[in-house]
Amino acid sequence: MTQQFQRDKPIYLQVVDTIIQEIVSGIRQSGEKLPSVREYAIEVGVNPNTIQRVYRELDQRQITITKRGQGTYVTENSRLITQVREELKKQYVDQFVEDMGALGFSKEEII
């Protein structure tokens, strides 16, 4: 299933966001092995170099752990996953409130 991408954001960051959302929503479980770079590139419909960059970014954020010769795994740090989930929740709520305010809704109407 190829993913539809937005033009205003780099593809690798969109894929990073997708994987993070899958992790915090429970679609991908702690300790679960992610597909190989080539497999995931085919699945998403992007160049393998893009997925390599995605996995590197996820490792830097400590969302995943790459074990040389074994693959990339979702972190087992449940505190980190909970923290990321809370950050996403705040980000989405803030964006919603901002968007609704831009449409002219009052705070009372937004609530």
Protein backbone atom coordinates (compact mmCIF):
# COMPACT_ATOMS: atom_id res chain seq x y z
CA MET A 1 0.00 0.00 0.00
CA THR A 2 1.70 3.19 -1.14
CA GLN A 3 1.24 6.21 1.05
CA GLN A 4 -0.06 9.58 -0.16
CA PHE A 5 2.42 12.34 0.69
CA GLN A 6 2.00 16.05 1.28
CA ARG A 7 4.07 18.40 -0.84
CA ASP A 8 4.96 20.80 1.97
CA LYS A 9 6.81 18.34 4.23
CA PRO A 10 9.77 16.04 3.46
CA ILE A 11 8.68 12.47 2.70
CA TYR A 12 11.02 10.94 5.27
CA LEU A 13 9.45 13.05 8.05
CA GLN A 14 5.98 12.00 6.95
CA VAL A 15 7.02 8.34 7.16
CA VAL A 16 8.62 8.98 10.58
CA ASP A 17 5.32 10.51 11.76
CA THR A 18 3.36 7.54 10.42
CA ILE A 19 5.53 5.02 12.25
CA ILE A 20 5.39 7.03 15.49
CA GLN A 21 1.59 7.19 15.23
CA GLU A 22 1.47 3.42 14.70
CA ILE A 23 3.61 2.91 17.79
CA VAL A 24 1.70 5.23 20.14
CA SER A 25 -1.66 3.91 18.93
CA GLY A 26 -0.58 0.30 19.56
CA ILE A 27 -0.58 -0.84 15.93
CA ARG A 28 3.14 -1.55 16.37
CA GLN A 29 4.01 -3.08 19.73
CA SER A 30 7.03 -2.55 21.99
CA GLY A 31 9.86 -4.80 20.91
CA GLU A 32 8.26 -5.51 17.53
CA LYS A 33 10.63 -5.81 14.59
CA LEU A 34 10.03 -3.32 11.79
CA PRO A 35 10.18 -4.50 8.18
CA SER A 36 13.57 -4.44 6.48
CA VAL A 37 14.50 -1.23 4.70
CA ARG A 38 13.80 -2.77 1.30
CA GLU A 39 10.48 -4.33 2.37
CA TYR A 40 9.21 -1.11 3.90
CA ALA A 41 10.38 0.97 0.92
CA ILE A 42 8.31 -1.24 -1.39
CA GLU A 43 5.33 -1.16 0.99
CA VAL A 44 5.35 2.63 1.26
CA GLY A 45 6.41 3.27 -2.32
CA VAL A 46 9.62 5.22 -1.71
CA ASN A 47 13.34 4.80 -2.29
CA PRO A 48 15.17 2.50 0.18
CA ASN A 49 17.51 5.40 1.00
CA THR A 50 14.48 7.31 2.31
CA ILE A 51 13.57 4.45 4.64
CA GLN A 52 17.19 4.20 5.78
CA ARG A 53 16.94 7.87 6.75
CA VAL A 54 13.60 7.23 8.47
CA TYR A 55 15.07 4.43 10.59
CA ARG A 56 18.10 6.56 11.44
CA GLU A 57 15.79 9.40 12.57
CA LEU A 58 13.69 7.02 14.69
CA ASP A 59 16.88 5.66 16.28
CA GLN A 60 18.07 9.18 17.07
CA ARG A 61 14.73 9.90 18.77
CA GLN A 62 15.13 6.58 20.63
CA ILE A 63 11.75 5.40 19.31
CA THR A 64 13.48 2.41 17.75
CA ILE A 65 16.67 0.48 18.28
CA THR A 66 18.65 -0.91 15.37
CA LYS A 67 20.62 -4.04 16.12
CA ARG A 68 23.35 -4.55 13.57
CA GLY A 69 22.61 -7.59 11.43
CA GLN A 70 19.27 -8.21 13.15
CA GLY A 71 17.02 -5.31 12.18
CA THR A 72 15.19 -2.36 13.68
CA TYR A 73 12.89 -2.82 16.67
CA VAL A 74 10.35 -0.61 18.44
CA THR A 75 11.70 0.55 21.79
CA GLU A 76 10.54 -1.32 24.88
CA ASN A 77 10.71 1.91 26.91
CA SER A 78 7.01 2.34 27.76
CA ARG A 79 7.67 5.66 29.49
CA LEU A 80 9.11 7.10 26.29
CA ILE A 81 6.15 5.85 24.25
CA THR A 82 3.73 7.38 26.78
CA GLN A 83 5.66 10.66 26.71
CA VAL A 84 5.58 10.78 22.90
CA ARG A 85 1.87 9.99 22.95
CA GLU A 86 1.21 12.87 25.35
CA GLU A 87 3.28 15.23 23.19
CA LEU A 88 1.30 14.22 20.10
CA LYS A 89 -1.97 14.71 21.95
CA LYS A 90 -0.98 18.22 22.98
CA GLN A 91 0.25 19.02 19.48
CA TYR A 92 -3.01 17.85 17.86
CA VAL A 93 -5.19 19.67 20.38
CA ASP A 94 -3.19 22.89 20.02
CA GLN A 95 -3.42 22.66 16.22
CA PHE A 96 -7.17 22.01 16.42
CA VAL A 97 -7.75 25.01 18.70
CA GLU A 98 -5.60 27.21 16.45
CA ASP A 99 -7.43 26.07 13.30
CA MET A 100 -10.85 26.56 14.86
CA GLY A 101 -9.84 30.02 16.12
CA ALA A 102 -8.74 30.92 12.60
CA LEU A 103 -12.23 29.97 11.42
CA GLY A 104 -13.72 32.42 13.90
CA PHE A 105 -14.96 30.04 16.60
CA SER A 106 -14.91 31.35 20.17
CA LYS A 107 -13.25 29.42 23.02
CA GLU A 108 -16.68 28.44 24.28
CA GLU A 109 -17.66 27.06 20.89
CA ILE A 110 -14.38 25.15 20.58
CA ILE A 111 -14.82 23.61 24.03
